[in-house]
Amino acid sequence: MGYSTESKWLTATITFALAALSASTAFSLYFWKRKSRDLDSKIGELEKSLKASLDNCAAERQGRIRAQQALRKALTQPKLDNVELTSYPMAPIGVIQSCFSTRYLGGRRLVFQIRDL
């Protein structure tokens, strides 16, 4: 009689362990699928954002290219009133004054190279 009681307890314990294991597996699978769905939606949003950003960069690049082409075209067409400014557009932005009357050599390296000769 003791054997059937122990057998019932062993069967009940194994059944309970298998039920707990299957429930744990089911919950893990549910949470894994949910996390996978969330990550897939996040990846989709990031891909859309990346595509929009790339489209925006391409549009900006096209705008810059068109502006450079228009500027190049405007600069290559000489104006009749002042040909010098259109051939190389450059204007002075300032004047530098120095306390030295003349400029000798560029820097130390040049001085050492001249002394070594």
Protein backbone atom coordinates (compact mmCIF):
# COMPACT_ATOMS: atom_id res chain seq x y z
CA MET A 1 0.00 0.00 0.00
CA GLY A 2 2.88 2.34 0.67
CA TYR A 3 4.07 1.89 -2.85
CA SER A 4 0.89 3.20 -4.43
CA THR A 5 0.93 6.31 -2.19
CA GLU A 6 4.53 7.06 -3.11
CA SER A 7 3.72 6.41 -6.75
CA LYS A 8 0.80 8.83 -6.58
CA TRP A 9 3.01 11.50 -4.99
CA LEU A 10 5.70 10.95 -7.59
CA THR A 11 3.18 11.12 -10.42
CA ALA A 12 1.62 14.26 -8.94
CA THR A 13 5.06 15.89 -8.50
CA ILE A 14 6.10 15.05 -12.06
CA THR A 15 2.75 16.28 -13.39
CA PHE A 16 3.06 19.52 -11.43
CA ALA A 17 6.68 20.01 -12.62
CA LEU A 18 5.69 19.44 -16.24
CA ALA A 19 2.72 21.81 -15.89
CA ALA A 20 4.96 24.48 -14.36
CA LEU A 21 7.54 23.94 -17.08
CA SER A 22 4.96 24.22 -19.85
CA ALA A 23 3.41 27.33 -18.25
CA SER A 24 6.84 28.89 -17.89
CA THR A 25 7.61 28.06 -21.52
CA ALA A 26 4.29 29.51 -22.65
CA PHE A 27 4.89 32.77 -20.73
CA SER A 28 8.45 33.00 -22.04
CA LEU A 29 7.28 32.42 -25.59
CA TYR A 30 4.52 35.04 -25.19
CA PHE A 31 6.93 37.67 -23.84
CA TRP A 32 9.54 36.81 -26.47
CA LYS A 33 7.01 37.23 -29.29
CA ARG A 34 5.75 40.48 -27.79
CA LYS A 35 9.27 41.82 -27.47
CA SER A 36 9.99 40.67 -31.02
CA ARG A 37 6.89 42.53 -32.30
CA ASP A 38 7.91 45.67 -30.41
CA LEU A 39 11.42 45.51 -31.82
CA ASP A 40 10.07 44.91 -35.34
CA SER A 41 7.84 47.99 -35.06
CA LYS A 42 10.80 50.01 -33.71
CA ILE A 43 12.95 48.81 -36.62
CA GLY A 44 10.20 49.79 -39.06
CA GLU A 45 9.98 53.29 -37.54
CA LEU A 46 13.75 53.69 -37.69
CA GLU A 47 13.84 52.54 -41.32
CA LYS A 48 11.13 55.08 -42.21
CA SER A 49 13.03 57.81 -40.37
CA LEU A 50 16.27 56.85 -42.13
CA LYS A 51 14.57 56.89 -45.52
CA ALA A 52 13.05 60.31 -44.82
CA SER A 53 16.44 61.60 -43.70
CA LEU A 54 18.14 60.24 -46.81
CA ASP A 55 15.46 61.80 -49.02
CA ASN A 56 15.92 65.11 -47.22
CA CYS A 57 19.72 64.96 -47.68
CA ALA A 58 19.29 64.12 -51.36
CA ALA A 59 16.95 67.09 -51.81
CA GLU A 60 19.40 69.41 -50.04
CA ARG A 61 22.25 68.09 -52.17
CA GLN A 62 20.24 68.68 -55.36
CA GLY A 63 19.48 72.21 -54.18
CA ARG A 64 23.15 72.89 -53.49
CA ILE A 65 24.14 71.47 -56.86
CA ARG A 66 21.58 73.65 -58.64
CA ALA A 67 22.72 76.72 -56.71
CA GLN A 68 26.38 76.02 -57.54
CA GLN A 69 25.53 75.53 -61.19
CA ALA A 70 23.59 78.79 -61.27
CA LEU A 71 26.45 80.62 -59.54
CA ARG A 72 29.01 79.10 -61.90
CA LYS A 73 26.87 80.09 -64.87
CA ALA A 74 26.47 83.63 -63.54
CA LEU A 75 30.22 83.95 -62.91
CA THR A 76 31.21 82.65 -66.34
CA GLN A 77 29.01 85.10 -68.16
CA PRO A 78 31.04 88.30 -68.26
CA LYS A 79 29.32 91.55 -67.47
CA LEU A 80 30.10 94.36 -69.81
CA ASP A 81 30.51 97.03 -67.12
CA ASN A 82 33.33 95.41 -65.09
CA VAL A 83 35.12 92.42 -66.66
CA GLU A 84 37.86 92.19 -63.98
CA LEU A 85 35.45 91.42 -61.14
CA THR A 86 33.61 88.71 -63.05
CA SER A 87 36.75 86.87 -64.17
CA TYR A 88 37.95 86.30 -60.59
CA PRO A 89 35.53 87.61 -57.98
CA MET A 90 37.69 88.69 -55.05
CA ALA A 91 37.50 91.75 -52.87
CA PRO A 92 39.81 92.78 -50.02
CA ILE A 93 38.39 92.24 -46.56
CA GLY A 94 41.03 94.10 -44.53
CA VAL A 95 44.52 95.59 -44.27
CA ILE A 96 47.29 94.28 -42.03
CA GLN A 97 49.97 96.55 -40.59
CA SER A 98 53.15 95.32 -38.91
CA CYS A 99 55.68 96.99 -36.66
CA PHE A 100 58.47 95.40 -38.72
CA SER A 101 59.69 97.23 -41.80
CA THR A 102 60.69 94.11 -43.77
CA ARG A 103 60.01 90.43 -43.63
CA TYR A 104 63.00 88.08 -43.50
CA LEU A 105 62.47 84.32 -43.81
CA GLY A 106 59.37 82.35 -43.02
CA GLY A 107 60.21 80.58 -39.79
CA ARG A 108 62.76 78.70 -37.72
CA ARG A 109 63.09 75.68 -39.98
CA LEU A 110 64.08 77.86 -42.87
CA VAL A 111 66.70 79.58 -40.69
CA PHE A 112 68.21 76.22 -39.69
CA GLN A 113 68.23 75.02 -43.26
CA ILE A 114 70.03 78.14 -44.47
CA ARG A 115 72.63 77.95 -41.66
CA ASP A 116 73.34 74.30 -42.48
CA LEU A 117 74.11 75.16 -46.09
